[in-house]
Structure formats: C-alpha cells, structure tokens
C-alpha cells in the first residue's frame, strides 16, 4: 500500500519531502506552498488537519463516497474538486475518484486508487521546475499538472474502447449469426459511464474558466482552458462511440432479419415445389386408382388390355403435362397482377 506523502514546494519549484502532516502544517506560513498527498487515508487523518486548512465536513465525507459525480464546491478557505480517473482493462471500465482541495498556500489530494507513485511525483517535480517563474509557487499550477495527468489517462481508456468497438464490428460482420449481442451492450454501458463523468467534468471546468474559484489566478486560466478543450474532445468522442454502438445494434438486428428472411424464402421455394408436385400427381393418383380396379378390365374387356392400358397411361401422361403447364400459366398471371 502506498503511504501518504507531504511536500513543501519552494518558489523555485523544488519539492522538499516532509515527515508528516504536522510538519506540513508548520510549513504553511513559509514561502511557496504545501502538498498534502493522502494515499488510501482513514477519515480521521484528514479530519485532524481539517480545522487548520478550513476543510468542510461535507467535502471530507465526499472523499470517501464512491457514488459522487465530478463537481467543484467553493468554500471560504479552499476550493474542493472531485475528478474521475478512467482505467479500461479486460473489457471492464473502472471509474475512480480523485479528490483535491485547493487553498491559498496548499493543495491536498486524496488518492484511494494508487494513482500517485514515486515516478509520477518526480515527473510532477520536473514539470514544476521547468515551468515559468511566475507560476512555480502557485498551488493551482500543481493542480493543473495533476488534472492534466488524469486527463491523459482518460485518453488511454477511450482509445482502448475505440479499439474494442472496431474488434466487435469485425467480429459481428464475420459471423453475425453466432455474434453475442451482450458484447455491444457491455461497451454501451462503459461508454455511457464515460459520457456521464465527462459531462460533469466539462461543467466543472467551465466554472474554473469563468473564474468561479478565487484560488486560481487569471494567469493560470489558460492552462485550465487547455484541459477543458481535451475534456470537450473526449466528450464528443463518447457521443460518437455511443452512436456507433447504436448503429452496430441496428446493423446486427438487420443482418439477422435478412438471414431469417433468406431462410424463409428458401423454405417457401421448397414448399412451392412440393405443392406443385402434389398438385400434378393428385389427379394421376385418382386415375391410377381407378385404372387398377377390376371393373376397368371388365369395361375394356380382358382381351383389349394390351391397347387399353397403354392408352390409359398415355392419357395420364397428357393430363400431368397439361396440369403442369396450366399451373405455370397461373403462376405467371399471379406475378403480373402483383
């Protein structure tokens, strides 16, 4: 389990590791700002410093509530932001919360999924050091770096969803009869979850860009506007993916209907052939029954069977042929009427 960490970021952007939250509190009055990085914390760990930082009780509760939507709440001493991180693995989408408190001289993050590690912190430090002098000591700039990193992770998940959509489409077109429609429904559920999160995050960033938070100076609004552009792009991608899922569902149903119609047509053709054969042979069966009776021999005479039976068979053949052509003529006439 990743341990919580505490840093003091000086004016030149250097991260100095602090031992605990008490030492971090003592550094609040010095130049620069303090980063409270809580990893899988207990509620009491944050409540212990809530009075010093002016954290609201409801915001602390939201940090441990998995059913919250992305939002931004403005308080007197800090701004609370709830953002989501996406992870797509083995056809399952995980939507996790990252909680941030932004104050005048501090930033507090609550990470319950292990998003931050040593390598990532080093990357953050490099970005802060390489940033312009006038924003290095701004906690809102570090929050921008954190949000930007989360947004980059979103793009990885969205790309994976897009690739999965392509695979599902290929699989469906290759063998539509054996395709499992549940695969499309799972994708649809994941895309809707993404869309819901991105919609609220876009609204959150609209508030940031219209300067609703007094802890984000005007010189940093441009950086948050860039994050807003990315979120808007991702939201539009999920809209496109949702339309694709709907199209794939309709296409699958259409293909199945066509296959069923084709099968029904083959059955109809077979039944028509059998009906034609039956209709032709029904009168012949009647005549053969009559011809096989002893009365037939008595009528034609026993001495005339050599002539009567061949003539009888010839008559049956002529009746069968005439019946066949008569049925064909009726079929063509019915086709013209249609």
Protein backbone atom coordinates (compact mmCIF):
# COMPACT_ATOMS: atom_id res chain seq x y z
CA UNK A 1 0.00 0.00 0.00
CA UNK A 2 1.29 3.44 -0.96
CA UNK A 3 1.94 5.70 2.01
CA UNK A 4 0.76 9.27 2.29
CA UNK A 5 3.39 11.89 1.48
CA UNK A 6 3.83 15.55 2.26
CA UNK A 7 5.87 18.10 0.33
CA UNK A 8 6.85 21.70 0.58
CA UNK A 9 7.18 23.31 -2.86
CA UNK A 10 9.50 26.29 -2.75
CA UNK A 11 9.46 29.34 -5.02
CA UNK A 12 11.95 27.75 -7.39
CA UNK A 13 9.66 24.71 -7.76
CA UNK A 14 11.71 22.23 -5.74
CA UNK A 15 9.79 19.54 -3.83
CA UNK A 16 11.04 19.03 -0.27
CA UNK A 17 9.82 15.87 1.43
CA UNK A 18 8.22 16.37 4.87
CA UNK A 19 7.95 13.75 7.59
CA UNK A 20 4.28 14.00 8.48
CA UNK A 21 1.16 16.16 8.32
CA UNK A 22 2.15 18.14 11.44
CA UNK A 23 5.41 19.25 9.83
CA UNK A 24 3.47 20.07 6.68
CA UNK A 25 1.09 22.27 8.69
CA UNK A 26 4.05 24.12 10.19
CA UNK A 27 5.32 24.94 6.67
CA UNK A 28 2.11 26.68 5.60
CA UNK A 29 3.36 30.12 6.57
CA UNK A 30 6.62 29.83 4.65
CA UNK A 31 7.29 30.79 1.04
CA UNK A 32 5.81 28.51 -1.55
CA UNK A 33 3.06 26.05 -0.69
CA UNK A 34 2.46 22.62 0.83
CA UNK A 35 1.19 19.48 -0.94
CA UNK A 36 -0.71 17.04 1.27
CA UNK A 37 -0.78 13.79 -0.71
CA UNK A 38 -3.01 11.32 1.13
CA UNK A 39 -2.96 7.78 -0.28
CA UNK A 40 -5.74 5.45 0.96
CA UNK A 41 -6.22 7.53 4.13
CA UNK A 42 -8.58 6.97 7.00
CA UNK A 43 -11.18 9.65 7.66
CA UNK A 44 -9.57 10.76 10.91
CA UNK A 45 -6.25 11.52 9.15
CA UNK A 46 -7.89 14.29 7.16
CA UNK A 47 -10.14 15.43 9.99
CA UNK A 48 -7.05 16.02 12.15
CA UNK A 49 -5.90 18.86 9.87
CA UNK A 50 -9.32 19.99 8.64
CA UNK A 51 -9.53 22.93 11.08
CA UNK A 52 -6.10 24.23 10.08
CA UNK A 53 -6.96 24.10 6.37
CA UNK A 54 -10.62 25.03 6.64
CA UNK A 55 -11.91 21.81 5.07
CA UNK A 56 -15.66 21.41 5.17
CA UNK A 57 -17.12 18.29 6.79
CA UNK A 58 -19.33 17.52 3.78
CA UNK A 59 -16.34 17.65 1.43
CA UNK A 60 -14.42 15.23 3.64
CA UNK A 61 -17.40 12.85 3.50
CA UNK A 62 -17.45 13.14 -0.30
CA UNK A 63 -13.84 11.97 -0.39
CA UNK A 64 -14.96 8.55 0.86
CA UNK A 65 -18.21 8.30 -1.10
CA UNK A 66 -17.81 6.34 -4.36
CA UNK A 67 -21.19 7.42 -5.70
CA UNK A 68 -20.35 11.11 -6.13
CA UNK A 69 -20.21 12.82 -9.53
CA UNK A 70 -17.42 15.22 -10.60
CA UNK A 71 -18.03 18.65 -9.13
CA UNK A 72 -16.48 21.81 -7.75
CA UNK A 73 -17.53 23.37 -4.42
CA UNK A 74 -16.30 26.77 -3.40
CA UNK A 75 -15.62 27.48 0.29
CA UNK A 76 -14.14 30.43 2.13
CA UNK A 77 -10.66 28.94 2.63
CA UNK A 78 -10.45 26.42 -0.21
CA UNK A 79 -11.97 25.04 -3.38
CA UNK A 80 -12.99 21.39 -3.42
CA UNK A 81 -12.77 19.49 -6.74
CA UNK A 82 -13.81 15.92 -7.40
CA UNK A 83 -12.42 14.46 -10.63
CA UNK A 84 -12.61 10.98 -12.14
CA UNK A 85 -9.88 8.71 -13.45
CA UNK A 86 -10.58 6.03 -16.10
CA UNK A 87 -8.96 2.62 -16.29
CA UNK A 88 -10.01 0.18 -19.02
CA UNK A 89 -8.73 -3.36 -18.64
CA UNK A 90 -10.06 -6.72 -19.83
CA UNK A 91 -13.27 -5.16 -21.18
CA UNK A 92 -14.05 -3.56 -17.82
CA UNK A 93 -14.09 0.16 -17.15
CA UNK A 94 -13.13 1.42 -13.70
CA UNK A 95 -14.20 4.97 -12.86
CA UNK A 96 -12.33 6.12 -9.76
CA UNK A 97 -12.39 9.35 -7.79
CA UNK A 98 -9.55 11.78 -7.17
CA UNK A 99 -10.33 14.48 -4.60
CA UNK A 100 -8.49 17.79 -4.46
CA UNK A 101 -8.61 20.72 -2.05
CA UNK A 102 -7.03 23.92 -3.32
CA UNK A 103 -6.18 26.71 -0.89
CA UNK A 104 -4.13 29.87 -0.94
CA UNK A 105 -0.93 28.14 0.18
CA UNK A 106 -1.70 24.44 -0.04
CA UNK A 107 -3.11 21.67 -2.18
CA UNK A 108 -4.50 18.48 -0.66
CA UNK A 109 -5.15 15.38 -2.75
CA UNK A 110 -6.94 12.23 -1.64
CA UNK A 111 -5.85 9.27 -3.76
CA UNK A 112 -7.64 5.98 -3.00
CA UNK A 113 -6.55 4.09 -6.13
CA UNK A 114 -2.76 4.45 -6.03
CA UNK A 115 -2.64 6.97 -8.86
CA UNK A 116 0.43 8.72 -7.46
CA UNK A 117 3.73 6.93 -7.03
CA UNK A 118 7.38 7.87 -6.78
CA UNK A 119 7.95 8.10 -10.53
CA UNK A 120 4.89 10.26 -11.08
CA UNK A 121 5.90 12.61 -8.28
CA UNK A 122 9.31 13.00 -9.93
CA UNK A 123 7.56 13.85 -13.18
CA UNK A 124 5.47 16.46 -11.36
CA UNK A 125 8.60 17.94 -9.85
CA UNK A 126 10.27 18.23 -13.26
CA UNK A 127 7.22 19.92 -14.73
CA UNK A 128 7.09 22.41 -11.86
CA UNK A 129 10.81 23.17 -12.12
CA UNK A 130 10.61 23.73 -15.89
CA UNK A 131 7.53 25.95 -15.63
CA UNK A 132 7.69 29.78 -15.80
CA UNK A 133 8.90 31.53 -12.65
CA UNK A 134 5.65 33.38 -12.01
CA UNK A 135 3.58 30.17 -11.62
CA UNK A 136 6.03 27.77 -9.95
CA UNK A 137 4.90 28.67 -6.47
CA UNK A 138 1.18 28.56 -7.31
CA UNK A 139 -0.65 25.52 -5.85
CA UNK A 140 -3.21 25.87 -8.65
CA UNK A 141 -0.44 25.16 -11.17
CA UNK A 142 0.35 21.85 -9.45
CA UNK A 143 -3.35 21.05 -9.52
CA UNK A 144 -3.31 21.73 -13.26
CA UNK A 145 -0.44 19.24 -13.68
CA UNK A 146 -2.37 16.62 -11.67
CA UNK A 147 -5.58 17.13 -13.66
CA UNK A 148 -3.65 17.09 -16.92
CA UNK A 149 -2.12 13.75 -15.96
CA UNK A 150 -5.57 12.32 -15.12
CA UNK A 151 -6.93 13.55 -18.46
CA UNK A 152 -4.07 11.85 -20.30
CA UNK A 153 -5.05 8.58 -18.62
CA UNK A 154 -8.61 9.10 -19.83
CA UNK A 155 -7.40 9.22 -23.42
CA UNK A 156 -5.73 5.81 -23.00
CA UNK A 157 -9.04 4.31 -21.81
CA UNK A 158 -11.02 5.99 -24.61
CA UNK A 159 -8.58 4.66 -27.22
CA UNK A 160 -8.99 1.15 -25.77
CA UNK A 161 -12.78 1.47 -26.02
CA UNK A 162 -12.45 2.63 -29.63
CA UNK A 163 -10.26 -0.35 -30.49
CA UNK A 164 -12.73 -2.67 -28.79
CA UNK A 165 -15.52 -1.18 -30.91
CA UNK A 166 -13.56 -1.96 -34.09
CA UNK A 167 -12.97 -5.53 -32.94
CA UNK A 168 -16.65 -6.03 -32.12
CA UNK A 169 -17.69 -4.67 -35.51
CA UNK A 170 -15.28 -7.01 -37.36
CA UNK A 171 -16.45 -9.98 -35.31
CA UNK A 172 -20.09 -9.19 -35.98
CA UNK A 173 -19.60 -8.85 -39.75
CA UNK A 174 -17.56 -12.07 -39.95
CA UNK A 175 -20.15 -14.26 -38.26
CA UNK A 176 -23.39 -12.37 -37.47
CA UNK A 177 -25.42 -15.47 -36.62
CA UNK A 178 -23.07 -16.51 -33.78
CA UNK A 179 -22.31 -12.98 -32.57
CA UNK A 180 -23.21 -12.27 -28.94
CA UNK A 181 -25.14 -9.01 -28.66
CA UNK A 182 -24.14 -8.77 -24.98
CA UNK A 183 -20.67 -7.59 -26.09
CA UNK A 184 -22.22 -4.47 -27.61
CA UNK A 185 -24.32 -3.86 -24.51
CA UNK A 186 -21.24 -4.03 -22.26
CA UNK A 187 -19.49 -1.47 -24.46
CA UNK A 188 -22.58 0.72 -24.39
CA UNK A 189 -22.63 0.64 -20.59
CA UNK A 190 -18.95 1.60 -20.40
CA UNK A 191 -19.35 4.43 -22.90
CA UNK A 192 -22.35 5.83 -21.03
CA UNK A 193 -20.34 5.77 -17.78
CA UNK A 194 -17.55 7.71 -19.51
CA UNK A 195 -20.00 10.17 -21.00
CA UNK A 196 -21.68 10.84 -17.66
CA UNK A 197 -18.33 11.56 -15.99
CA UNK A 198 -17.01 13.72 -18.84
CA UNK A 199 -20.21 15.74 -18.95
CA UNK A 200 -19.89 16.78 -15.30
CA UNK A 201 -16.14 17.37 -15.64
CA UNK A 202 -16.78 19.67 -18.56
CA UNK A 203 -19.25 21.64 -16.45
CA UNK A 204 -16.67 21.75 -13.65
CA UNK A 205 -14.02 23.22 -15.96
CA UNK A 206 -16.49 25.76 -17.30
CA UNK A 207 -16.77 27.06 -13.73
CA UNK A 208 -12.98 27.16 -13.44
CA UNK A 209 -12.57 29.05 -16.72
CA UNK A 210 -15.15 31.63 -15.79
CA UNK A 211 -13.08 32.27 -12.63
CA UNK A 212 -15.50 30.90 -10.04
CA UNK A 213 -12.56 29.87 -7.83
CA UNK A 214 -10.64 32.70 -6.20
CA UNK A 215 -7.68 30.36 -5.63
CA UNK A 216 -6.95 30.02 -9.37
CA UNK A 217 -5.35 33.25 -10.62
CA UNK A 218 -6.05 34.71 -14.06
CA UNK A 219 -2.57 33.84 -15.33
CA UNK A 220 -3.36 30.13 -14.95
CA UNK A 221 -6.80 30.13 -16.58
CA UNK A 222 -5.18 29.46 -19.96
CA UNK A 223 -3.75 26.18 -18.64
CA UNK A 224 -7.16 25.03 -17.40
CA UNK A 225 -8.70 26.06 -20.70
CA UNK A 226 -6.42 23.53 -22.38
CA UNK A 227 -7.75 20.80 -20.07
CA UNK A 228 -11.29 21.92 -20.90
CA UNK A 229 -10.55 21.52 -24.61
CA UNK A 230 -9.36 17.96 -24.06
CA UNK A 231 -12.39 17.05 -21.94
CA UNK A 232 -14.73 18.52 -24.57
CA UNK A 233 -12.99 16.49 -27.27
CA UNK A 234 -13.30 13.30 -25.21
CA UNK A 235 -16.97 14.01 -24.52
CA UNK A 236 -17.62 14.35 -28.26
CA UNK A 237 -15.74 11.08 -28.85
CA UNK A 238 -18.01 9.27 -26.41
CA UNK A 239 -21.00 10.75 -28.24
CA UNK A 240 -19.61 9.35 -31.49
CA UNK A 241 -18.92 5.98 -29.87
CA UNK A 242 -22.45 5.88 -28.49
CA UNK A 243 -23.83 6.46 -31.99
CA UNK A 244 -21.58 3.70 -33.32
CA UNK A 245 -22.88 1.29 -30.69
CA UNK A 246 -26.46 2.14 -31.67
CA UNK A 247 -25.61 1.63 -35.35
CA UNK A 248 -23.94 -1.72 -34.61
CA UNK A 249 -27.02 -2.87 -32.69
CA UNK A 250 -29.33 -1.87 -35.55
CA UNK A 251 -26.97 -3.44 -38.08
CA UNK A 252 -26.86 -6.71 -36.16
CA UNK A 253 -30.65 -6.89 -35.95
CA UNK A 254 -30.93 -6.00 -39.65
CA UNK A 255 -28.46 -8.74 -40.64
CA UNK A 256 -30.33 -11.29 -38.53
CA UNK A 257 -33.63 -10.25 -40.13
CA UNK A 258 -32.11 -10.64 -43.59
CA UNK A 259 -30.79 -14.10 -42.71
CA UNK A 260 -34.20 -15.11 -41.37
CA UNK A 261 -35.92 -13.71 -44.49
CA UNK A 262 -33.48 -15.59 -46.72
CA UNK A 263 -34.13 -18.80 -44.81
CA UNK A 264 -37.89 -18.21 -45.07
CA UNK A 265 -37.59 -17.65 -48.82
CA UNK A 266 -35.73 -20.94 -49.23
CA UNK A 267 -38.47 -22.68 -47.22
CA UNK A 268 -41.16 -21.06 -49.37
CA UNK A 269 -39.45 -22.18 -52.57
CA UNK A 270 -39.22 -25.75 -51.27
CA UNK A 271 -42.88 -25.72 -50.23
CA UNK A 272 -43.91 -24.38 -53.64
CA UNK A 273 -42.04 -27.19 -55.37
CA UNK A 274 -43.64 -29.80 -53.14
CA UNK A 275 -47.07 -28.25 -53.70
CA UNK A 276 -46.54 -28.28 -57.47
CA UNK A 277 -45.55 -31.95 -57.42
CA UNK A 278 -48.51 -32.83 -55.19
CA UNK A 279 -50.98 -30.89 -57.37
CA UNK A 280 -49.75 -32.62 -60.54
CA UNK A 281 -49.87 -36.12 -59.10
CA UNK A 282 -53.19 -35.85 -57.24
CA UNK A 283 -55.39 -36.41 -60.35
CA UNK A 284 -52.96 -39.01 -61.62
CA UNK A 285 -53.22 -40.84 -58.30
CA UNK A 286 -57.02 -40.82 -58.66
CA UNK A 287 -56.83 -42.16 -62.19
CA UNK A 288 -54.30 -44.82 -61.25
CA UNK A 289 -56.65 -45.96 -58.50
CA UNK A 290 -59.48 -46.25 -60.97
CA UNK A 291 -57.29 -47.96 -63.52
CA UNK A 292 -56.18 -50.52 -61.02
CA UNK A 293 -59.73 -51.67 -60.27
CA UNK A 294 -61.07 -54.92 -61.74
CA UNK A 295 -64.05 -53.01 -63.20
CA UNK A 296 -61.65 -51.32 -65.61
CA UNK A 297 -60.70 -54.65 -67.09
CA UNK A 298 -64.35 -55.60 -67.29
CA UNK A 299 -65.26 -52.37 -69.11
CA UNK A 300 -62.44 -52.51 -71.62
CA UNK A 301 -62.62 -56.21 -71.93
CA UNK A 302 -59.99 -58.74 -70.92
CA UNK A 303 -58.90 -59.21 -74.49
CA UNK A 304 -58.18 -55.47 -75.03
CA UNK A 305 -55.79 -54.85 -72.12
CA UNK A 306 -52.79 -54.61 -74.43
CA UNK A 307 -54.33 -51.49 -76.03
CA UNK A 308 -56.39 -50.05 -73.15
CA UNK A 309 -53.61 -49.86 -70.56
CA UNK A 310 -51.03 -48.13 -72.81
CA UNK A 311 -53.72 -45.66 -73.89
CA UNK A 312 -54.65 -45.15 -70.25
CA UNK A 313 -51.03 -44.44 -69.31
CA UNK A 314 -50.69 -42.05 -72.26
CA UNK A 315 -53.80 -40.23 -71.13
CA UNK A 316 -52.41 -39.94 -67.61
CA UNK A 317 -49.16 -38.51 -69.00
CA UNK A 318 -51.01 -35.93 -71.10
CA UNK A 319 -53.13 -34.89 -68.13
CA UNK A 320 -49.95 -34.47 -65.99
CA UNK A 321 -48.24 -32.34 -68.65
CA UNK A 322 -51.33 -30.20 -69.20
CA UNK A 323 -51.70 -29.78 -65.44
CA UNK A 324 -48.05 -28.68 -65.16
CA UNK A 325 -48.33 -26.02 -67.87
CA UNK A 326 -51.68 -24.85 -66.51
CA UNK A 327 -50.13 -24.27 -63.06
CA UNK A 328 -47.18 -22.43 -64.64
CA UNK A 329 -49.60 -20.18 -66.52
CA UNK A 330 -51.49 -19.40 -63.30
CA UNK A 331 -48.18 -18.58 -61.55
CA UNK A 332 -47.14 -16.11 -64.28
CA UNK A 333 -50.55 -14.48 -64.25
CA UNK A 334 -50.41 -14.05 -60.47
CA UNK A 335 -46.92 -12.48 -60.77
CA UNK A 336 -48.20 -9.94 -63.30
CA UNK A 337 -51.14 -8.99 -61.09
CA UNK A 338 -48.74 -8.32 -58.17
